[in-house]
N, C-alpha and C. Protein backbone atom coordinates (compact mmCIF):
# COMPACT_ATOMS: atom_id res chain seq x y z
N MET A 1 -29.76 24.48 122.00
CA MET A 1 -30.44 23.22 121.94
C MET A 1 -31.87 23.30 121.38
N ILE A 2 -32.52 24.43 121.66
CA ILE A 2 -33.89 24.53 121.20
C ILE A 2 -34.00 24.52 119.67
N TYR A 3 -32.97 25.06 118.99
CA TYR A 3 -32.99 25.05 117.51
C TYR A 3 -33.00 23.64 116.95
N GLY A 4 -32.14 22.80 117.49
CA GLY A 4 -32.10 21.42 117.04
C GLY A 4 -33.38 20.66 117.31
N VAL A 5 -33.97 20.90 118.47
CA VAL A 5 -35.23 20.24 118.80
C VAL A 5 -36.35 20.71 117.85
N LEU A 6 -36.39 22.02 117.57
CA LEU A 6 -37.36 22.54 116.63
C LEU A 6 -37.18 21.99 115.23
N ALA A 7 -35.90 21.84 114.81
CA ALA A 7 -35.62 21.23 113.51
C ALA A 7 -36.10 19.79 113.44
N ASP A 8 -35.87 19.04 114.54
CA ASP A 8 -36.35 17.66 114.58
C ASP A 8 -37.89 17.62 114.57
N LEU A 9 -38.53 18.51 115.27
CA LEU A 9 -39.99 18.58 115.31
C LEU A 9 -40.52 18.90 113.89
N LEU A 10 -39.90 19.83 113.21
CA LEU A 10 -40.33 20.15 111.85
C LEU A 10 -40.11 18.97 110.90
N LEU A 11 -39.04 18.22 111.12
CA LEU A 11 -38.83 17.01 110.30
C LEU A 11 -39.88 15.96 110.60
N PHE A 12 -40.25 15.82 111.87
CA PHE A 12 -41.29 14.89 112.26
C PHE A 12 -42.62 15.26 111.57
N VAL A 13 -42.97 16.53 111.55
CA VAL A 13 -44.18 16.97 110.86
C VAL A 13 -44.09 16.67 109.37
N HIS A 14 -42.90 16.85 108.79
CA HIS A 14 -42.70 16.62 107.36
C HIS A 14 -42.94 15.13 107.04
N VAL A 15 -42.40 14.24 107.84
CA VAL A 15 -42.53 12.81 107.60
C VAL A 15 -43.99 12.40 107.75
N TRP A 16 -44.68 12.89 108.75
CA TRP A 16 -46.10 12.59 108.94
C TRP A 16 -46.97 13.19 107.84
N PHE A 17 -46.56 14.35 107.33
CA PHE A 17 -47.29 14.94 106.21
C PHE A 17 -47.15 14.03 104.99
N MET A 18 -45.95 13.54 104.72
CA MET A 18 -45.75 12.65 103.57
C MET A 18 -46.58 11.36 103.73
N LYS A 19 -46.60 10.80 104.91
CA LYS A 19 -47.43 9.61 105.13
C LYS A 19 -48.91 9.92 104.94
N PHE A 20 -49.35 11.05 105.44
CA PHE A 20 -50.75 11.42 105.34
C PHE A 20 -51.15 11.64 103.90
N VAL A 21 -50.26 12.31 103.12
CA VAL A 21 -50.54 12.51 101.70
C VAL A 21 -50.67 11.19 100.96
N ALA A 22 -49.74 10.28 101.23
CA ALA A 22 -49.72 9.03 100.50
C ALA A 22 -50.82 8.07 100.92
N LEU A 23 -51.10 7.99 102.21
CA LEU A 23 -52.02 6.96 102.70
C LEU A 23 -53.26 7.51 103.40
N GLY A 24 -53.37 8.79 103.52
CA GLY A 24 -54.50 9.39 104.23
C GLY A 24 -55.84 9.14 103.55
N GLY A 25 -55.81 8.91 102.22
CA GLY A 25 -57.03 8.62 101.51
C GLY A 25 -57.70 7.36 102.02
N LEU A 26 -56.89 6.42 102.48
CA LEU A 26 -57.45 5.17 103.01
C LEU A 26 -58.27 5.49 104.30
N ALA A 27 -57.82 6.45 105.07
CA ALA A 27 -58.57 6.84 106.26
C ALA A 27 -59.85 7.58 105.89
N VAL A 28 -59.85 8.23 104.73
CA VAL A 28 -61.05 8.95 104.25
C VAL A 28 -62.18 7.98 103.96
N ILE A 29 -61.83 6.75 103.54
CA ILE A 29 -62.86 5.75 103.26
C ILE A 29 -63.63 5.48 104.54
N ARG A 30 -62.95 5.46 105.66
CA ARG A 30 -63.60 5.17 106.94
C ARG A 30 -64.21 6.39 107.58
N TRP A 31 -63.45 7.50 107.58
CA TRP A 31 -63.90 8.76 108.23
C TRP A 31 -64.03 9.83 107.13
N ARG A 32 -65.19 10.01 106.62
CA ARG A 32 -65.41 10.91 105.50
C ARG A 32 -65.04 12.36 105.80
N TRP A 33 -65.19 12.80 107.03
CA TRP A 33 -64.90 14.18 107.39
C TRP A 33 -63.42 14.51 107.18
N LEU A 34 -62.58 13.50 107.21
CA LEU A 34 -61.12 13.70 107.05
C LEU A 34 -60.78 14.13 105.62
N MET A 35 -61.74 13.98 104.68
CA MET A 35 -61.53 14.40 103.31
C MET A 35 -61.20 15.90 103.24
N TRP A 36 -61.78 16.69 104.06
CA TRP A 36 -61.60 18.15 104.00
C TRP A 36 -60.18 18.55 104.45
N ILE A 37 -59.51 17.69 105.17
CA ILE A 37 -58.13 17.91 105.57
C ILE A 37 -57.18 17.24 104.56
N HIS A 38 -57.51 16.03 104.18
CA HIS A 38 -56.63 15.24 103.33
C HIS A 38 -56.54 15.77 101.90
N LEU A 39 -57.62 16.16 101.32
CA LEU A 39 -57.65 16.56 99.90
C LEU A 39 -56.69 17.73 99.62
N PRO A 40 -56.72 18.83 100.41
CA PRO A 40 -55.73 19.90 100.17
C PRO A 40 -54.31 19.43 100.39
N CYS A 41 -54.07 18.58 101.40
CA CYS A 41 -52.74 18.05 101.64
C CYS A 41 -52.26 17.18 100.46
N ALA A 42 -53.15 16.31 99.96
CA ALA A 42 -52.78 15.46 98.85
C ALA A 42 -52.48 16.28 97.60
N LEU A 43 -53.27 17.29 97.36
CA LEU A 43 -53.01 18.16 96.19
C LEU A 43 -51.67 18.90 96.35
N LEU A 44 -51.40 19.40 97.54
CA LEU A 44 -50.13 20.06 97.79
C LEU A 44 -48.95 19.10 97.61
N GLY A 45 -49.08 17.90 98.18
CA GLY A 45 -48.02 16.90 98.02
C GLY A 45 -47.80 16.52 96.57
N ALA A 46 -48.87 16.37 95.80
CA ALA A 46 -48.71 15.98 94.38
C ALA A 46 -48.06 17.13 93.61
N VAL A 47 -48.48 18.35 93.86
CA VAL A 47 -47.89 19.51 93.17
C VAL A 47 -46.42 19.64 93.53
N LEU A 48 -46.08 19.45 94.79
CA LEU A 48 -44.65 19.54 95.17
C LEU A 48 -43.82 18.48 94.46
N ALA A 49 -44.32 17.23 94.42
CA ALA A 49 -43.58 16.16 93.79
C ALA A 49 -43.50 16.29 92.29
N LEU A 50 -44.63 16.61 91.69
CA LEU A 50 -44.64 16.77 90.21
C LEU A 50 -43.90 18.00 89.75
N GLY A 51 -43.92 19.05 90.56
CA GLY A 51 -43.24 20.29 90.17
C GLY A 51 -41.76 20.24 90.50
N GLY A 52 -41.31 19.24 91.27
CA GLY A 52 -39.92 19.17 91.65
C GLY A 52 -39.53 20.16 92.71
N TRP A 53 -40.52 20.63 93.47
CA TRP A 53 -40.27 21.64 94.49
C TRP A 53 -40.02 20.98 95.81
N PHE A 54 -39.39 21.77 96.73
CA PHE A 54 -39.07 21.26 98.06
C PHE A 54 -40.23 21.51 99.01
N TRP A 55 -40.19 20.80 100.11
CA TRP A 55 -41.09 21.06 101.23
C TRP A 55 -40.97 22.51 101.57
N PRO A 56 -42.11 23.20 101.78
CA PRO A 56 -42.06 24.66 102.01
C PRO A 56 -41.22 25.09 103.19
N PHE A 57 -41.09 24.22 104.17
CA PHE A 57 -40.31 24.58 105.35
C PHE A 57 -38.88 24.04 105.35
N ALA A 58 -38.38 23.58 104.22
CA ALA A 58 -37.03 23.05 104.13
C ALA A 58 -35.99 24.09 104.49
N GLY A 59 -36.19 25.33 104.05
CA GLY A 59 -35.26 26.41 104.40
C GLY A 59 -35.24 26.67 105.88
N LEU A 60 -36.41 26.69 106.49
CA LEU A 60 -36.47 26.91 107.93
C LEU A 60 -35.82 25.75 108.71
N GLU A 61 -36.04 24.53 108.23
CA GLU A 61 -35.44 23.37 108.88
C GLU A 61 -33.90 23.43 108.78
N GLY A 62 -33.43 23.80 107.61
CA GLY A 62 -31.95 23.95 107.43
C GLY A 62 -31.36 25.03 108.33
N TRP A 63 -32.06 26.14 108.44
CA TRP A 63 -31.61 27.24 109.29
C TRP A 63 -31.57 26.76 110.77
N LEU A 64 -32.66 26.09 111.17
CA LEU A 64 -32.69 25.62 112.57
C LEU A 64 -31.59 24.59 112.83
N ARG A 65 -31.26 23.72 111.87
CA ARG A 65 -30.16 22.78 112.05
C ARG A 65 -28.83 23.48 112.16
N ALA A 66 -28.62 24.51 111.32
CA ALA A 66 -27.38 25.28 111.38
C ALA A 66 -27.25 25.99 112.71
N GLU A 67 -28.33 26.63 113.18
CA GLU A 67 -28.30 27.29 114.45
C GLU A 67 -28.09 26.31 115.60
N GLY A 68 -28.71 25.16 115.49
CA GLY A 68 -28.52 24.14 116.54
C GLY A 68 -27.10 23.64 116.59
N ALA A 69 -26.45 23.48 115.43
CA ALA A 69 -25.05 23.05 115.40
C ALA A 69 -24.16 24.13 115.96
N ALA A 70 -24.50 25.40 115.72
CA ALA A 70 -23.71 26.52 116.23
C ALA A 70 -23.81 26.63 117.75
N HIS A 71 -24.88 26.13 118.33
CA HIS A 71 -25.09 26.21 119.76
C HIS A 71 -24.84 24.86 120.45
N GLY A 72 -24.10 23.98 119.82
CA GLY A 72 -23.70 22.74 120.49
C GLY A 72 -24.67 21.59 120.36
N TYR A 73 -25.65 21.66 119.51
CA TYR A 73 -26.60 20.56 119.33
C TYR A 73 -25.95 19.55 118.42
N SER A 74 -25.56 18.39 118.92
CA SER A 74 -24.82 17.46 118.09
C SER A 74 -25.66 16.28 117.56
N ILE A 75 -26.86 16.08 118.07
CA ILE A 75 -27.69 14.99 117.60
C ILE A 75 -28.39 15.41 116.33
N ASN A 76 -28.16 14.70 115.23
CA ASN A 76 -28.79 15.05 113.97
C ASN A 76 -29.72 13.90 113.62
N LEU A 77 -31.02 14.13 113.80
CA LEU A 77 -32.02 13.10 113.57
C LEU A 77 -32.03 12.65 112.11
N VAL A 78 -31.81 13.56 111.18
CA VAL A 78 -31.83 13.20 109.77
C VAL A 78 -30.74 12.19 109.43
N ASP A 79 -29.52 12.50 109.81
CA ASP A 79 -28.42 11.60 109.51
C ASP A 79 -28.49 10.28 110.27
N ARG A 80 -29.01 10.33 111.47
CA ARG A 80 -29.02 9.15 112.30
C ARG A 80 -30.12 8.15 111.96
N TYR A 81 -31.33 8.67 111.72
CA TYR A 81 -32.47 7.75 111.62
C TYR A 81 -33.12 7.68 110.24
N LEU A 82 -32.92 8.62 109.40
CA LEU A 82 -33.63 8.62 108.14
C LEU A 82 -32.71 8.24 107.00
N PRO A 83 -33.16 7.39 106.10
CA PRO A 83 -32.31 7.00 104.96
C PRO A 83 -32.14 8.19 104.02
N SER A 84 -31.07 8.15 103.23
CA SER A 84 -30.77 9.29 102.37
C SER A 84 -31.78 9.43 101.24
N TRP A 85 -32.50 8.39 100.85
CA TRP A 85 -33.48 8.50 99.76
C TRP A 85 -34.70 9.29 100.17
N LEU A 86 -34.88 9.49 101.47
CA LEU A 86 -36.08 10.24 101.93
C LEU A 86 -35.99 11.72 101.57
N HIS A 87 -34.79 12.25 101.56
CA HIS A 87 -34.64 13.66 101.30
C HIS A 87 -34.78 13.90 99.78
N PRO A 88 -35.63 14.85 99.35
CA PRO A 88 -35.86 15.06 97.92
C PRO A 88 -34.62 15.41 97.12
N ALA A 89 -33.61 15.99 97.72
CA ALA A 89 -32.43 16.36 97.00
C ALA A 89 -31.69 15.15 96.46
N SER A 90 -31.89 13.97 97.06
CA SER A 90 -31.19 12.79 96.61
C SER A 90 -31.95 11.94 95.62
N LEU A 91 -33.20 12.35 95.29
CA LEU A 91 -34.01 11.58 94.36
C LEU A 91 -33.78 12.08 92.94
N PRO A 92 -33.61 11.16 91.98
CA PRO A 92 -33.58 11.58 90.59
C PRO A 92 -34.96 12.13 90.19
N ARG A 93 -34.96 12.97 89.18
CA ARG A 93 -36.21 13.63 88.75
C ARG A 93 -37.28 12.64 88.32
N PHE A 94 -36.89 11.63 87.59
CA PHE A 94 -37.89 10.64 87.12
C PHE A 94 -38.55 9.92 88.32
N LEU A 95 -37.80 9.72 89.39
CA LEU A 95 -38.35 9.09 90.57
C LEU A 95 -39.35 10.01 91.28
N GLU A 96 -39.02 11.32 91.33
CA GLU A 96 -39.95 12.28 91.91
C GLU A 96 -41.25 12.28 91.13
N LEU A 97 -41.14 12.28 89.78
CA LEU A 97 -42.34 12.23 88.97
C LEU A 97 -43.15 10.96 89.19
N GLY A 98 -42.44 9.86 89.29
CA GLY A 98 -43.10 8.55 89.52
C GLY A 98 -43.85 8.55 90.86
N ILE A 99 -43.18 9.05 91.89
CA ILE A 99 -43.85 9.14 93.21
C ILE A 99 -45.05 10.06 93.17
N GLY A 100 -44.90 11.21 92.52
CA GLY A 100 -46.02 12.14 92.40
C GLY A 100 -47.19 11.53 91.68
N LEU A 101 -46.93 10.84 90.54
CA LEU A 101 -48.00 10.20 89.80
C LEU A 101 -48.64 9.05 90.56
N LEU A 102 -47.82 8.30 91.29
CA LEU A 102 -48.33 7.19 92.09
C LEU A 102 -49.27 7.71 93.19
N VAL A 103 -48.83 8.74 93.91
CA VAL A 103 -49.67 9.33 94.96
C VAL A 103 -50.95 9.93 94.37
N LEU A 104 -50.82 10.62 93.24
CA LEU A 104 -51.98 11.18 92.59
C LEU A 104 -52.94 10.11 92.12
N GLY A 105 -52.43 9.08 91.46
CA GLY A 105 -53.25 7.97 90.98
C GLY A 105 -53.96 7.23 92.12
N LEU A 106 -53.26 6.97 93.19
CA LEU A 106 -53.85 6.28 94.34
C LEU A 106 -54.97 7.11 94.93
N ASN A 107 -54.74 8.38 95.07
CA ASN A 107 -55.76 9.25 95.68
C ASN A 107 -56.95 9.45 94.75
N VAL A 108 -56.71 9.53 93.43
CA VAL A 108 -57.85 9.62 92.48
C VAL A 108 -58.70 8.38 92.60
N TYR A 109 -58.07 7.21 92.67
CA TYR A 109 -58.82 5.95 92.79
C TYR A 109 -59.62 5.91 94.12
N ILE A 110 -59.00 6.31 95.22
CA ILE A 110 -59.66 6.31 96.52
C ILE A 110 -60.82 7.27 96.51
N TYR A 111 -60.62 8.53 96.03
CA TYR A 111 -61.71 9.49 96.03
C TYR A 111 -62.82 9.09 95.05
N HIS A 112 -62.46 8.41 93.99
CA HIS A 112 -63.51 7.90 93.10
C HIS A 112 -64.39 6.90 93.85
N ARG A 113 -63.80 6.04 94.62
CA ARG A 113 -64.58 5.10 95.47
C ARG A 113 -65.40 5.83 96.50
N VAL A 114 -64.79 6.82 97.16
CA VAL A 114 -65.51 7.57 98.18
C VAL A 114 -66.72 8.28 97.60
N PHE A 115 -66.56 8.98 96.49
CA PHE A 115 -67.68 9.69 95.90
C PHE A 115 -68.71 8.78 95.30
N ARG A 116 -68.28 7.64 94.77
CA ARG A 116 -69.22 6.64 94.25
C ARG A 116 -70.09 6.09 95.35
N GLN A 117 -69.49 5.86 96.52
CA GLN A 117 -70.25 5.31 97.66
C GLN A 117 -71.21 6.35 98.25
N ARG A 118 -70.94 7.59 98.02
CA ARG A 118 -71.77 8.67 98.62
C ARG A 118 -73.07 8.89 97.87
N ARG A 119 -73.14 8.38 96.62
CA ARG A 119 -74.37 8.59 95.85
C ARG A 119 -75.55 7.95 96.56
N PRO A 120 -76.64 8.67 96.61
CA PRO A 120 -77.82 8.04 97.25
C PRO A 120 -78.38 6.90 96.39
N VAL A 121 -78.75 5.88 97.05
CA VAL A 121 -79.34 4.74 96.36
C VAL A 121 -80.83 5.05 96.17
N PRO A 122 -81.32 4.92 94.93
CA PRO A 122 -82.75 5.21 94.74
C PRO A 122 -83.62 4.25 95.53
N ALA A 123 -84.64 4.81 96.13
CA ALA A 123 -85.58 4.02 96.94
C ALA A 123 -86.42 3.16 96.00
N PRO A 124 -86.71 1.93 96.41
CA PRO A 124 -87.57 1.07 95.56
C PRO A 124 -88.96 1.66 95.51
N GLU A 125 -89.55 1.48 94.33
CA GLU A 125 -90.91 2.05 94.14
C GLU A 125 -91.91 1.19 94.92
N ALA A 126 -92.81 1.89 95.55
CA ALA A 126 -93.88 1.24 96.33
C ALA A 126 -94.91 0.67 95.33
N THR A 127 -95.33 -0.52 95.61
CA THR A 127 -96.37 -1.16 94.75
C THR A 127 -97.65 -1.34 95.57
N ASP A 128 -98.75 -1.08 94.96
CA ASP A 128 -100.02 -1.26 95.63
C ASP A 128 -100.47 -2.73 95.47
N ALA A 129 -100.84 -3.36 96.52
CA ALA A 129 -101.26 -4.76 96.44
C ALA A 129 -102.73 -4.91 96.30
């Protein structure tokens, strides 16, 4: 049973990672310190999508699912709750590229705004009266 639970936990982390990559830049606008966590995640997510690579822990998740099934774990969170389009294996390549470019473009726009807002505003010159 522990294998299936660990597989579901890993899937949960994967889904939240995808959400954070896609929309975490919006949180950076509010909480600037989050940039140091989001930027590497966004770059990794864009590289994975544009390169056509799988989530680094996909092999581990598959192994945990297989072990869970071998030990009587019958609840499969992926088949039950997640649509088939979520899994990268079911996406056509052009769609993966489109998603990668969309995520990259959105984050470039957001970080452009963040860095533009960070510029110090020049102080007005003092005038002698």
